[in-house]
Protein backbone atom coordinates (compact mmCIF):
# COMPACT_ATOMS: atom_id res chain seq x y z
CA MET A 1 -7.91 -24.92 9.81
CA ILE A 2 -5.39 -22.85 11.72
CA LEU A 3 -4.17 -19.19 9.77
CA LEU A 4 -1.89 -16.81 10.64
CA PRO A 5 -1.92 -13.68 8.70
CA PHE A 6 0.12 -10.75 8.28
CA SER A 7 3.72 -12.00 9.51
CA SER A 8 2.13 -12.20 13.18
CA PHE A 9 4.56 -15.45 13.26
CA LEU A 10 7.14 -13.25 13.16
CA HIS A 11 6.31 -11.55 16.71
CA ASN A 12 7.44 -14.84 18.30
CA ILE A 13 11.39 -13.47 18.73
CA THR A 14 12.57 -16.72 20.78
CA TYR A 15 13.35 -20.07 19.37
CA GLU A 16 11.25 -21.44 22.25
CA ASP A 17 8.81 -19.38 21.19
CA GLN A 18 8.19 -20.09 17.87
CA ILE A 19 8.45 -23.66 18.20
CA THR A 20 6.59 -23.65 21.32
CA THR A 21 3.94 -21.64 18.92
CA LEU A 22 4.02 -24.65 16.14
CA LYS A 23 4.14 -27.49 18.54
CA ASN A 24 0.58 -25.76 19.65
CA ILE A 25 -0.71 -25.19 16.14
CA TYR A 26 0.26 -29.26 15.24
CA GLU A 27 -1.72 -30.16 18.77
CA HIS A 28 -4.88 -28.27 18.21
CA LEU A 29 -5.33 -29.72 14.62
CA ASN A 30 -7.21 -32.57 13.48
CA GLU A 31 -5.21 -35.36 11.52
CA GLY A 32 -5.29 -33.90 8.20
CA GLY A 33 -5.93 -30.19 9.12
CA ARG A 34 -4.36 -27.24 7.75
CA PHE A 35 -2.59 -24.35 8.56
CA ILE A 36 -1.32 -22.00 6.76
CA ILE A 37 1.36 -18.85 7.95
CA ALA A 38 2.64 -15.96 6.12
CA PHE A 39 5.46 -13.64 6.51
CA PHE A 40 7.49 -11.62 4.41
CA PHE A 41 10.86 -12.57 2.46
CA PRO A 42 13.79 -11.52 4.84
CA ASP A 43 15.72 -8.98 1.66
CA TYR A 44 18.28 -8.43 4.05
CA GLU A 45 19.59 -5.06 1.52
CA TYR A 46 16.29 -4.06 1.37
CA MET A 47 16.16 -3.64 4.62
CA CYS A 48 19.71 -2.20 5.22
CA ASN A 49 18.04 0.56 3.18
CA PHE A 50 15.61 1.63 5.62
CA LEU A 51 17.92 1.67 9.05
CA ASN A 52 17.01 4.78 10.82
CA LYS A 53 15.75 6.40 8.20
CA LYS A 54 12.14 8.17 8.26
CA VAL A 55 10.36 7.04 5.44
CA LYS A 56 5.73 7.29 4.83
CA ASP A 57 4.88 4.13 5.37
CA PHE A 58 0.48 5.38 4.30
CA GLU A 59 -1.41 7.41 4.47
CA PHE A 60 -5.13 7.28 5.56
CA THR A 61 -8.10 9.69 6.14
CA ARG A 62 -10.72 9.23 9.23
CA ASN A 63 -13.51 11.79 9.74
CA GLY A 64 -12.63 13.85 7.27
CA LYS A 65 -9.05 14.15 8.64
CA LYS A 66 -5.68 12.64 6.36
CA TYR A 67 -3.25 11.46 8.53
CA VAL A 68 0.31 10.14 7.33
CA VAL A 69 2.02 7.41 8.99
CA TYR A 70 5.90 7.87 9.04
CA LYS A 71 7.79 4.37 9.71
CA LYS A 72 11.19 4.41 11.06
CA ASP A 73 12.93 0.78 11.81
CA ASN A 74 15.86 -0.59 13.50
CA LEU A 75 17.63 -3.62 12.58
CA ASP A 76 19.90 -6.55 14.28
CA PRO A 77 20.57 -8.55 12.09
CA LEU A 78 23.13 -10.47 14.62
CA ASN A 79 19.53 -11.51 15.97
CA GLN A 80 17.37 -11.32 13.14
CA ILE A 81 15.32 -8.68 15.10
CA ILE A 82 13.98 -5.59 13.42
CA PHE A 83 12.99 -2.97 15.97
CA MET A 84 9.93 -1.16 14.36
CA ASN A 85 8.38 2.05 15.44
CA GLN A 86 5.56 4.33 13.90
CA GLU A 87 4.23 7.73 14.01
CA ILE A 88 1.19 8.79 12.99
CA ILE A 89 0.77 12.39 12.20
CA GLU A 90 -2.12 14.73 11.75
CA GLU A 91 -1.58 15.56 8.31
CA LYS A 92 -3.09 19.66 7.90
CA THR A 93 -1.28 20.47 11.58
CA ASP A 94 1.54 18.72 11.95
CA LYS A 95 0.88 16.82 15.29
CA LYS A 96 1.86 13.91 16.56
CA VAL A 97 -1.40 11.82 17.32
CA ASN A 98 -0.63 8.25 17.77
CA GLU A 99 3.32 6.20 17.98
CA LEU A 100 3.51 2.77 17.35
CA HIS A 101 6.44 0.49 18.90
CA PHE A 102 6.90 -3.27 18.17
CA THR A 103 9.57 -6.12 17.73
CA ILE A 104 9.74 -8.68 14.98
CA ARG A 105 11.85 -11.39 14.32
CA TYR A 106 12.65 -12.39 10.80
CA ILE A 107 13.16 -15.86 9.66
CA TYR A 108 14.66 -17.24 6.39
CA LYS A 109 12.69 -19.87 4.35
CA ASN A 110 15.01 -23.02 5.48
CA GLU A 111 15.18 -21.80 9.25
CA PHE A 112 11.41 -22.06 9.24
CA GLU A 113 11.46 -25.66 7.61
CA LEU A 114 13.74 -26.32 10.16
CA LEU A 115 11.49 -25.04 12.81
CA LEU A 116 8.45 -27.01 11.55
CA ARG A 117 10.50 -30.18 11.70
CA LEU A 118 10.99 -29.86 15.40
CA ALA A 119 7.44 -28.85 15.98
CA GLY A 120 6.13 -32.27 14.33
CA PHE A 121 5.11 -31.04 11.35
CA SER A 122 6.00 -33.26 8.25
CA LYS A 123 3.87 -31.88 5.46
CA TRP A 124 4.13 -28.42 4.13
CA LYS A 125 5.00 -26.34 1.14
CA VAL A 126 5.98 -22.91 0.26
CA TYR A 127 4.39 -21.26 -1.86
CA GLY A 128 4.98 -17.59 -3.44
CA GLY A 129 1.65 -15.90 -2.59
CA PHE A 130 -1.97 -17.02 -1.14
CA ASN A 131 -2.38 -18.24 -5.19
CA TYR A 132 -0.57 -21.23 -4.64
CA GLU A 133 2.30 -19.08 -6.74
CA LEU A 134 5.99 -20.94 -7.20
CA LEU A 135 7.93 -19.04 -5.01
CA LYS A 136 10.92 -17.67 -7.30
CA SER A 137 11.55 -14.42 -6.36
CA LYS A 138 12.59 -12.73 -2.80
CA GLU A 139 10.27 -10.03 -3.62
CA GLN A 140 7.43 -12.49 -3.17
CA ARG A 141 5.42 -13.65 0.16
CA LEU A 142 6.93 -16.45 2.10
CA VAL A 143 2.96 -18.29 2.05
CA TRP A 144 3.42 -22.11 4.32
CA VAL A 145 0.55 -24.29 4.15
CA GLY A 146 1.09 -27.68 6.14
CA GLU A 147 -0.83 -30.26 7.33
CA LYS A 148 -0.87 -32.60 10.59
């Protein structure tokens, strides 16, 4: 079993990296072995609503201090790239304590099916969640379960 959770596959920015990753998964699976890859459905309208806007993402507490994480994402729709930026602010002092920058490439359902074929896979299903729900809505996560 090979598991790629939390949209981690999307850190493969180029087609070459995506296909290489999937081929490596295929090669490392035993016959009948399975993989699970999960990532978000790329809802273009939703993504555009957050362009260049600093929005509160979530809060957490550590060692008695409360922190707020803000995100400000930029979108390159031509290349299907999201440049993700996060700032962690200590709430009481309003001081930035850390920032993170990373890039992901979103992938559409039909596009991922082609990538799987190019990597040698012929058996897979896509679900709308981790409980094998039918994929019916763009609000669901794409959960891919495949087999060698």
